[in-house]
């Protein structure tokens, strides 16, 4: 299971790195690692995570909660969930 999660996070990291280079919107230098953000979301009941993107100063995460797809916004520095819809 840990290997699967690590592989998933690595693939997300690679996808993010290529997207960030094109978009120019990058998290601040004091932001939490992407793996920490994913762990915070999973502990809050958001899983599986299907997409993570940094945009407009926060992480935009597509995840599921109780089988329903939700977009969650996360503060990059604190890891606080700022909105879900």
N, C-alpha and C. Protein backbone atom coordinates (compact mmCIF):
# COMPACT_ATOMS: atom_id res chain seq x y z
N UNK A 1 0.82 -1.19 0.00
CA UNK A 1 0.00 0.00 0.00
C UNK A 1 0.87 1.26 0.00
N UNK A 2 1.92 1.26 0.84
CA UNK A 2 2.79 2.43 0.90
C UNK A 2 3.47 2.66 -0.45
N UNK A 3 3.83 1.57 -1.14
CA UNK A 3 4.47 1.70 -2.44
C UNK A 3 3.50 2.32 -3.44
N UNK A 4 2.23 1.91 -3.39
CA UNK A 4 1.22 2.46 -4.29
C UNK A 4 1.03 3.95 -4.02
N UNK A 5 0.94 4.33 -2.77
CA UNK A 5 0.76 5.74 -2.41
C UNK A 5 1.98 6.55 -2.86
N UNK A 6 3.16 6.02 -2.63
CA UNK A 6 4.38 6.72 -3.03
C UNK A 6 4.43 6.88 -4.55
N UNK A 7 4.08 5.83 -5.29
CA UNK A 7 4.07 5.92 -6.75
C UNK A 7 3.06 6.95 -7.22
N UNK A 8 1.89 6.97 -6.57
CA UNK A 8 0.85 7.95 -6.92
C UNK A 8 1.34 9.37 -6.67
N UNK A 9 1.92 9.60 -5.50
CA UNK A 9 2.41 10.94 -5.16
C UNK A 9 3.55 11.36 -6.08
N UNK A 10 4.40 10.42 -6.46
CA UNK A 10 5.48 10.73 -7.38
C UNK A 10 4.93 11.14 -8.73
N UNK A 11 3.92 10.41 -9.22
CA UNK A 11 3.34 10.75 -10.52
C UNK A 11 2.65 12.11 -10.47
N UNK A 12 2.00 12.40 -9.35
CA UNK A 12 1.37 13.71 -9.20
C UNK A 12 2.45 14.80 -9.18
N UNK A 13 3.53 14.53 -8.46
CA UNK A 13 4.62 15.50 -8.39
C UNK A 13 5.21 15.79 -9.76
N UNK A 14 5.39 14.75 -10.56
CA UNK A 14 5.93 14.94 -11.91
C UNK A 14 4.94 15.70 -12.78
N UNK A 15 3.67 15.37 -12.68
CA UNK A 15 2.66 16.08 -13.45
C UNK A 15 2.60 17.54 -13.03
N UNK A 16 2.68 17.78 -11.72
CA UNK A 16 2.66 19.15 -11.21
C UNK A 16 3.88 19.91 -11.70
N UNK A 17 5.04 19.30 -11.65
CA UNK A 17 6.27 19.98 -12.05
C UNK A 17 6.19 20.43 -13.50
N UNK A 18 5.70 19.57 -14.38
CA UNK A 18 5.61 19.96 -15.79
C UNK A 18 4.53 21.01 -15.99
N UNK A 19 3.40 20.90 -15.30
CA UNK A 19 2.33 21.88 -15.42
C UNK A 19 2.74 23.22 -14.85
N UNK A 20 3.44 23.22 -13.73
CA UNK A 20 3.86 24.46 -13.09
C UNK A 20 4.84 25.21 -13.98
N UNK A 21 5.69 24.49 -14.66
CA UNK A 21 6.66 25.13 -15.53
C UNK A 21 5.95 25.87 -16.66
N UNK A 22 4.85 25.30 -17.13
CA UNK A 22 4.11 25.93 -18.21
C UNK A 22 3.21 27.05 -17.69
N UNK A 23 2.59 26.84 -16.55
CA UNK A 23 1.62 27.81 -16.05
C UNK A 23 2.27 29.02 -15.40
N UNK A 24 3.42 28.84 -14.78
CA UNK A 24 4.09 29.95 -14.12
C UNK A 24 3.56 30.23 -12.73
N UNK A 25 2.51 29.56 -12.31
CA UNK A 25 1.93 29.73 -10.98
C UNK A 25 2.52 28.65 -10.08
N UNK A 26 3.34 29.06 -9.12
CA UNK A 26 4.04 28.11 -8.27
C UNK A 26 3.76 28.40 -6.80
N UNK A 27 3.76 27.34 -5.98
CA UNK A 27 3.54 27.56 -4.54
C UNK A 27 4.69 28.36 -3.94
N UNK A 28 4.42 29.05 -2.83
CA UNK A 28 5.48 29.83 -2.18
C UNK A 28 6.58 28.91 -1.63
N UNK A 29 7.73 29.48 -1.39
CA UNK A 29 8.87 28.68 -0.94
C UNK A 29 8.65 28.05 0.43
N UNK A 30 7.77 28.62 1.25
CA UNK A 30 7.53 28.07 2.58
C UNK A 30 6.31 27.13 2.62
N UNK A 31 5.86 26.68 1.45
CA UNK A 31 4.67 25.82 1.42
C UNK A 31 5.01 24.40 1.87
N UNK A 32 3.97 23.71 2.31
CA UNK A 32 4.12 22.31 2.70
C UNK A 32 4.39 21.48 1.45
N UNK A 33 5.02 20.33 1.66
CA UNK A 33 5.26 19.42 0.54
C UNK A 33 3.93 18.86 0.06
N UNK A 34 3.89 18.51 -1.21
CA UNK A 34 2.68 17.96 -1.80
C UNK A 34 2.24 16.68 -1.08
N UNK A 35 3.18 15.88 -0.65
CA UNK A 35 2.83 14.65 0.08
C UNK A 35 2.14 14.98 1.41
N UNK A 36 2.55 16.07 2.07
CA UNK A 36 1.90 16.49 3.31
C UNK A 36 0.46 16.95 3.05
N UNK A 37 0.26 17.68 1.96
CA UNK A 37 -1.08 18.15 1.59
C UNK A 37 -1.98 16.94 1.34
N UNK A 38 -1.49 15.96 0.59
CA UNK A 38 -2.28 14.76 0.31
C UNK A 38 -2.64 14.02 1.60
N UNK A 39 -1.71 13.92 2.53
CA UNK A 39 -1.95 13.24 3.79
C UNK A 39 -3.00 13.98 4.63
N UNK A 40 -2.92 15.30 4.67
CA UNK A 40 -3.91 16.11 5.39
C UNK A 40 -5.31 15.85 4.82
N UNK A 41 -5.41 15.84 3.49
CA UNK A 41 -6.71 15.62 2.85
C UNK A 41 -7.24 14.22 3.14
N UNK A 42 -6.38 13.23 3.06
CA UNK A 42 -6.83 11.87 3.32
C UNK A 42 -7.29 11.71 4.77
N UNK A 43 -6.58 12.32 5.71
CA UNK A 43 -7.00 12.25 7.11
C UNK A 43 -8.34 12.96 7.34
N UNK A 44 -8.64 13.96 6.50
CA UNK A 44 -9.91 14.68 6.61
C UNK A 44 -11.04 13.97 5.87
N UNK A 45 -10.74 12.80 5.28
CA UNK A 45 -11.77 12.01 4.63
C UNK A 45 -11.91 12.23 3.14
N UNK A 46 -10.98 12.94 2.53
CA UNK A 46 -11.00 13.15 1.09
C UNK A 46 -10.11 12.12 0.41
N UNK A 47 -10.72 11.09 -0.17
CA UNK A 47 -9.96 10.08 -0.90
C UNK A 47 -10.90 9.26 -1.75
N UNK A 48 -10.49 8.80 -2.88
CA UNK A 48 -9.17 9.01 -3.46
C UNK A 48 -9.03 10.43 -4.04
N UNK A 49 -7.80 10.84 -4.17
CA UNK A 49 -7.48 12.13 -4.78
C UNK A 49 -7.24 11.87 -6.26
N UNK A 50 -7.93 12.62 -7.13
CA UNK A 50 -7.77 12.37 -8.56
C UNK A 50 -6.93 13.42 -9.27
N UNK A 51 -6.83 14.63 -8.72
CA UNK A 51 -6.03 15.68 -9.37
C UNK A 51 -5.64 16.73 -8.35
N UNK A 52 -4.41 17.23 -8.47
CA UNK A 52 -3.94 18.34 -7.64
C UNK A 52 -3.27 19.35 -8.56
N UNK A 53 -3.67 20.62 -8.40
CA UNK A 53 -3.10 21.68 -9.22
C UNK A 53 -2.93 22.92 -8.35
N UNK A 54 -1.84 23.65 -8.54
CA UNK A 54 -1.64 24.91 -7.83
C UNK A 54 -2.10 26.04 -8.73
N UNK A 55 -3.07 26.84 -8.25
CA UNK A 55 -3.62 27.92 -9.06
C UNK A 55 -4.17 29.00 -8.15
N UNK A 56 -3.97 30.22 -8.52
CA UNK A 56 -4.52 31.37 -7.78
C UNK A 56 -4.12 31.37 -6.30
N UNK A 57 -2.91 30.93 -6.00
CA UNK A 57 -2.39 31.02 -4.65
C UNK A 57 -2.78 29.89 -3.71
N UNK A 58 -3.44 28.85 -4.23
CA UNK A 58 -3.79 27.72 -3.38
C UNK A 58 -3.80 26.42 -4.19
N UNK A 59 -3.78 25.30 -3.46
CA UNK A 59 -3.91 24.01 -4.12
C UNK A 59 -5.38 23.78 -4.42
N UNK A 60 -5.68 23.39 -5.66
CA UNK A 60 -7.02 22.97 -6.04
C UNK A 60 -6.96 21.46 -6.21
N UNK A 61 -7.74 20.77 -5.43
CA UNK A 61 -7.68 19.31 -5.38
C UNK A 61 -9.04 18.73 -5.74
N UNK A 62 -9.05 17.82 -6.70
CA UNK A 62 -10.25 17.04 -7.00
C UNK A 62 -10.12 15.73 -6.25
N UNK A 63 -11.07 15.47 -5.37
CA UNK A 63 -11.04 14.27 -4.55
C UNK A 63 -12.46 13.81 -4.31
N UNK A 64 -12.58 12.69 -3.68
CA UNK A 64 -13.90 12.14 -3.35
C UNK A 64 -14.07 12.10 -1.84
N UNK A 65 -15.29 12.39 -1.40
CA UNK A 65 -15.64 12.26 0.01
C UNK A 65 -16.99 11.57 0.06
N UNK A 66 -17.02 10.42 0.71
CA UNK A 66 -18.23 9.60 0.78
C UNK A 66 -18.78 9.30 -0.62
N UNK A 67 -17.87 9.05 -1.57
CA UNK A 67 -18.27 8.67 -2.93
C UNK A 67 -18.67 9.82 -3.82
N UNK A 68 -18.60 11.06 -3.33
CA UNK A 68 -18.99 12.23 -4.10
C UNK A 68 -17.75 13.03 -4.47
N UNK A 69 -17.62 13.38 -5.75
CA UNK A 69 -16.46 14.16 -6.20
C UNK A 69 -16.60 15.60 -5.72
N UNK A 70 -15.52 16.11 -5.12
CA UNK A 70 -15.51 17.45 -4.54
C UNK A 70 -14.22 18.16 -4.95
N UNK A 71 -14.30 19.47 -5.20
CA UNK A 71 -13.10 20.27 -5.41
C UNK A 71 -12.77 20.94 -4.08
N UNK A 72 -11.55 20.74 -3.62
CA UNK A 72 -11.12 21.26 -2.33
C UNK A 72 -9.99 22.26 -2.55
N UNK A 73 -10.05 23.40 -1.89
CA UNK A 73 -8.97 24.38 -1.93
C UNK A 73 -8.18 24.28 -0.63
N UNK A 74 -6.86 24.27 -0.76
CA UNK A 74 -5.99 24.09 0.41
C UNK A 74 -4.93 25.18 0.42
N UNK A 75 -4.76 25.81 1.59
CA UNK A 75 -3.72 26.82 1.77
C UNK A 75 -2.36 26.12 1.68
N UNK A 76 -1.46 26.58 0.82
CA UNK A 76 -0.18 25.88 0.63
C UNK A 76 0.76 25.96 1.82
N UNK A 77 0.65 26.99 2.62
CA UNK A 77 1.56 27.19 3.74
C UNK A 77 1.10 26.44 4.99
N UNK A 78 -0.18 26.53 5.30
CA UNK A 78 -0.70 25.91 6.53
C UNK A 78 -1.27 24.52 6.32
N UNK A 79 -1.71 24.23 5.09
CA UNK A 79 -2.38 22.97 4.82
C UNK A 79 -3.86 23.01 5.20
N UNK A 80 -4.36 24.17 5.60
CA UNK A 80 -5.76 24.30 5.99
C UNK A 80 -6.67 24.21 4.77
N UNK A 81 -7.77 23.48 4.92
CA UNK A 81 -8.77 23.40 3.87
C UNK A 81 -9.57 24.69 3.93
N UNK A 82 -9.53 25.46 2.85
CA UNK A 82 -10.17 26.77 2.85
C UNK A 82 -11.54 26.75 2.19
N UNK A 83 -11.82 25.75 1.36
CA UNK A 83 -13.13 25.64 0.71
C UNK A 83 -13.28 24.24 0.14
N UNK A 84 -14.54 23.80 0.09
CA UNK A 84 -14.83 22.59 -0.68
C UNK A 84 -16.20 22.77 -1.32
N UNK A 85 -16.29 22.29 -2.54
CA UNK A 85 -17.55 22.45 -3.29
C UNK A 85 -17.81 21.23 -4.15
